[in-house]
Amino acid sequence: MKTIKSILPKALIFFLIATIVCGIIYPLLITGISQIFFKDKANGSIIEVDGKKYGSELLAQQFTDDKYMWGRIMNIDTGTFKDENGNTLMYACPSNLSPASDEYEKLVAERVEKIKAANPEKGDTPIPVDLVTCSGSGLDPDISPAAAEYQIERIAKARGISTTQVEEIVLKYTENRFLGIFGEKIVNVLKVNLALDGILK
């Protein structure tokens, strides 16, 4: 019959080997592979131009100026955190509002009025639903081509350029379905706005 004294050394050796393999070798291997073959994605898909970082293409940013394309509703909090100098820090977080709640209905109604006021040239054209609703995370960086198209006239007017120029930029940063069949076409809001400012070419 095996005793604890005979089993313990083997168990400790196994534990040590498993720790080295799973805790050191495997993470280093996966990190190395990701840095070699998927460096951009592994580092957060940061959009960097001439050494300046403008944000991640995977996280939404809030744009409210008429000359920019607007994304989905973000759940912005400006009252919780402050930096070491006492300045308010703005951050976004997922929403836990029920689509059936009065608060959510009020949020959507306010957004509808804001969208209509900013795009009077669209008249009674139905507003694409993703312009007046939150995504599950509240941080979705993309909108539908229909939502992007809805804003083209406003952006062109605010910038004093043709709608064709805006359309070309939107088309350039429209991603097709994955493998042509999965998901839907999407437009990355941050990329479009950086291109409108001439930062992305």
Protein backbone atom coordinates (compact mmCIF):
# COMPACT_ATOMS: atom_id res chain seq x y z
CA MET A 1 0.00 0.00 0.00
CA LYS A 2 1.35 3.39 -1.08
CA THR A 3 1.98 5.90 1.64
CA ILE A 4 1.73 9.69 1.54
CA LYS A 5 5.52 9.85 1.69
CA SER A 6 5.85 7.84 -1.52
CA ILE A 7 3.08 9.72 -3.37
CA LEU A 8 3.93 13.26 -2.28
CA PRO A 9 7.21 13.68 -4.22
CA LYS A 10 5.56 12.51 -7.46
CA ALA A 11 2.58 14.81 -6.86
CA LEU A 12 4.86 17.77 -6.24
CA ILE A 13 6.88 17.01 -9.39
CA PHE A 14 3.65 16.76 -11.42
CA PHE A 15 2.42 20.01 -9.90
CA LEU A 16 5.69 21.75 -10.74
CA ILE A 17 5.69 20.48 -14.33
CA ALA A 18 2.03 21.47 -14.83
CA THR A 19 2.73 24.93 -13.41
CA ILE A 20 5.70 25.47 -15.73
CA VAL A 21 3.88 24.15 -18.81
CA CYS A 22 0.49 25.78 -18.21
CA GLY A 23 1.60 28.89 -16.35
CA ILE A 24 4.77 29.84 -18.22
CA ILE A 25 5.46 27.95 -21.46
CA TYR A 26 1.89 27.95 -22.84
CA PRO A 27 1.18 31.66 -22.16
CA LEU A 28 4.55 32.67 -23.61
CA LEU A 29 3.97 30.50 -26.67
CA ILE A 30 0.48 31.88 -27.34
CA THR A 31 1.63 35.45 -26.69
CA GLY A 32 4.55 34.98 -29.07
CA ILE A 33 2.35 33.52 -31.81
CA SER A 34 -0.22 36.30 -31.44
CA GLN A 35 2.48 39.01 -31.55
CA ILE A 36 4.02 37.50 -34.68
CA PHE A 37 0.89 36.69 -36.68
CA PHE A 38 -1.85 38.89 -35.16
CA LYS A 39 0.03 41.80 -33.60
CA ASP A 40 -2.60 44.44 -34.35
CA LYS A 41 -5.49 42.43 -32.96
CA ALA A 42 -3.51 41.12 -29.99
CA ASN A 43 -2.71 44.70 -28.95
CA GLY A 44 -6.30 45.95 -29.06
CA SER A 45 -6.69 46.91 -32.74
CA ILE A 46 -5.48 50.42 -31.96
CA ILE A 47 -5.70 52.91 -34.83
CA GLU A 48 -2.35 54.69 -34.91
CA VAL A 49 -1.30 57.26 -37.52
CA ASP A 50 2.13 58.92 -37.54
CA GLY A 51 2.79 57.74 -34.01
CA LYS A 52 -0.47 59.09 -32.59
CA LYS A 53 -3.09 56.72 -31.21
CA TYR A 54 -6.70 57.63 -31.92
CA GLY A 55 -8.51 54.74 -30.27
CA SER A 56 -9.46 51.14 -30.81
CA GLU A 57 -11.53 50.14 -33.79
CA LEU A 58 -13.27 47.70 -31.42
CA LEU A 59 -14.59 50.29 -28.95
CA ALA A 60 -17.03 53.10 -29.63
CA GLN A 61 -16.28 56.77 -29.14
CA GLN A 62 -18.93 59.42 -28.75
CA PHE A 63 -19.28 61.94 -31.58
CA THR A 64 -21.88 64.71 -31.35
CA ASP A 65 -20.70 67.35 -33.84
CA ASP A 66 -22.72 67.59 -37.07
CA LYS A 67 -19.58 67.17 -39.17
CA TYR A 68 -19.01 63.67 -37.78
CA MET A 69 -20.80 60.40 -38.19
CA TRP A 70 -22.66 59.43 -35.05
CA GLY A 71 -22.63 55.92 -33.62
CA ARG A 72 -25.05 54.08 -31.40
CA ILE A 73 -26.22 55.32 -28.02
CA MET A 74 -23.43 54.94 -25.48
CA ASN A 75 -23.96 54.51 -21.76
CA ILE A 76 -21.82 57.42 -20.60
CA ASP A 77 -20.99 57.97 -16.94
CA THR A 78 -19.39 61.26 -15.94
CA GLY A 79 -20.15 61.27 -12.23
CA THR A 80 -18.42 58.23 -10.79
CA PHE A 81 -14.69 58.59 -11.32
CA LYS A 82 -12.22 61.46 -11.19
CA ASP A 83 -8.49 61.60 -11.91
CA GLU A 84 -5.78 62.62 -9.44
CA ASN A 85 -6.44 66.29 -10.25
CA GLY A 86 -10.16 66.04 -9.56
CA ASN A 87 -11.14 66.14 -13.23
CA THR A 88 -14.18 64.12 -14.23
CA LEU A 89 -13.42 60.92 -16.13
CA MET A 90 -15.93 59.89 -18.75
CA TYR A 91 -16.41 56.21 -19.38
CA ALA A 92 -18.98 53.94 -20.95
CA CYS A 93 -20.33 50.64 -19.73
CA PRO A 94 -22.85 47.99 -20.73
CA SER A 95 -26.49 48.83 -20.07
CA ASN A 96 -28.79 46.82 -17.84
CA LEU A 97 -31.90 48.71 -18.90
CA SER A 98 -34.75 46.52 -20.04
CA PRO A 99 -36.03 47.36 -23.56
CA ALA A 100 -39.49 47.35 -21.97
CA SER A 101 -38.62 49.89 -19.27
CA ASP A 102 -39.89 53.47 -19.22
CA GLU A 103 -36.32 54.72 -18.83
CA TYR A 104 -35.23 52.95 -22.00
CA GLU A 105 -38.28 54.24 -23.88
CA LYS A 106 -37.43 57.79 -22.76
CA LEU A 107 -33.81 57.36 -23.87
CA VAL A 108 -34.86 56.18 -27.32
CA ALA A 109 -37.44 58.99 -27.67
CA GLU A 110 -34.80 61.60 -26.81
CA ARG A 111 -32.43 60.10 -29.34
CA VAL A 112 -35.14 60.10 -32.04
CA GLU A 113 -35.75 63.80 -31.51
CA LYS A 114 -32.01 64.52 -31.55
CA ILE A 115 -31.52 62.57 -34.79
CA LYS A 116 -34.46 64.27 -36.48
CA ALA A 117 -33.29 67.73 -35.43
CA ALA A 118 -29.77 67.08 -36.71
CA ASN A 119 -30.95 65.64 -40.03
CA PRO A 120 -33.91 67.83 -41.11
CA GLU A 121 -33.24 67.04 -44.77
CA LYS A 122 -34.36 63.44 -44.14
CA GLY A 123 -37.90 64.55 -43.34
CA ASP A 124 -40.09 61.58 -42.44
CA THR A 125 -37.56 59.00 -43.61
CA PRO A 126 -37.54 56.24 -40.98
CA ILE A 127 -34.52 56.41 -38.69
CA PRO A 128 -32.41 53.22 -38.75
CA VAL A 129 -32.96 51.45 -35.45
CA ASP A 130 -29.27 51.25 -34.54
CA LEU A 131 -29.06 55.05 -34.39
CA VAL A 132 -31.58 55.20 -31.56
CA THR A 133 -30.81 52.06 -29.56
CA CYS A 134 -27.92 50.74 -27.48
CA SER A 135 -26.01 47.62 -28.33
CA GLY A 136 -25.73 44.86 -25.74
CA SER A 137 -22.37 46.18 -24.57
CA GLY A 138 -23.12 49.87 -24.97
CA LEU A 139 -19.72 50.10 -26.68
CA ASP A 140 -20.46 48.95 -30.23
CA PRO A 141 -18.08 50.77 -32.62
CA ASP A 142 -20.07 49.93 -35.76
CA ILE A 143 -23.36 50.91 -37.34
CA SER A 144 -25.28 49.55 -40.30
CA PRO A 145 -24.77 50.94 -43.81
CA ALA A 146 -28.33 52.28 -43.61
CA ALA A 147 -27.49 54.23 -40.44
CA ALA A 148 -24.37 55.63 -42.10
CA GLU A 149 -26.25 56.57 -45.26
CA TYR A 150 -28.89 58.38 -43.21
CA GLN A 151 -26.23 60.85 -42.01
CA ILE A 152 -24.41 61.52 -45.26
CA GLU A 153 -26.30 64.69 -46.24
CA ARG A 154 -25.79 66.25 -42.80
CA ILE A 155 -22.07 65.53 -42.78
CA ALA A 156 -21.57 66.82 -46.32
CA LYS A 157 -23.43 70.03 -45.53
CA ALA A 158 -21.53 70.61 -42.27
CA ARG A 159 -18.18 70.10 -43.98
CA GLY A 160 -19.00 71.90 -47.22
CA ILE A 161 -18.20 68.87 -49.36
CA SER A 162 -20.25 66.75 -51.75
CA THR A 163 -22.36 63.80 -50.64
CA THR A 164 -20.36 61.71 -53.12
CA GLN A 165 -17.16 62.35 -51.18
CA VAL A 166 -18.79 61.25 -47.94
CA GLU A 167 -20.32 58.20 -49.63
CA GLU A 168 -16.90 57.14 -50.93
CA ILE A 169 -15.43 57.28 -47.43
CA VAL A 170 -18.35 55.34 -45.96
CA LEU A 171 -18.03 52.69 -48.66
CA LYS A 172 -14.29 52.38 -48.04
CA TYR A 173 -14.85 51.62 -44.35
CA THR A 174 -17.81 49.31 -44.81
CA GLU A 175 -16.98 45.72 -43.90
CA ASN A 176 -18.76 42.91 -45.68
CA ARG A 177 -20.28 39.85 -44.06
CA PHE A 178 -17.79 37.37 -42.63
CA LEU A 179 -17.03 34.87 -45.40
CA GLY A 180 -19.79 36.58 -47.35
CA ILE A 181 -22.58 34.84 -45.46
CA PHE A 182 -22.25 35.40 -41.69
CA GLY A 183 -23.47 38.51 -39.92
CA GLU A 184 -24.31 41.82 -41.57
CA LYS A 185 -22.41 44.58 -43.32
CA ILE A 186 -21.08 47.15 -40.83
CA VAL A 187 -19.51 50.61 -40.93
CA ASN A 188 -16.80 51.53 -38.42
CA VAL A 189 -17.68 54.98 -37.08
CA LEU A 190 -14.22 55.92 -35.81
CA LYS A 191 -12.52 55.02 -39.09
CA VAL A 192 -15.04 57.03 -41.10
CA ASN A 193 -14.56 60.09 -38.88
CA LEU A 194 -10.78 59.86 -39.02
CA ALA A 195 -11.01 59.63 -42.80
CA LEU A 196 -13.36 62.63 -42.91
CA ASP A 197 -10.72 64.59 -40.98
CA GLY A 198 -8.05 63.44 -43.43
CA ILE A 199 -6.21 61.40 -40.79
CA LEU A 200 -6.91 58.06 -42.43
CA LYS A 201 -6.38 57.93 -46.17
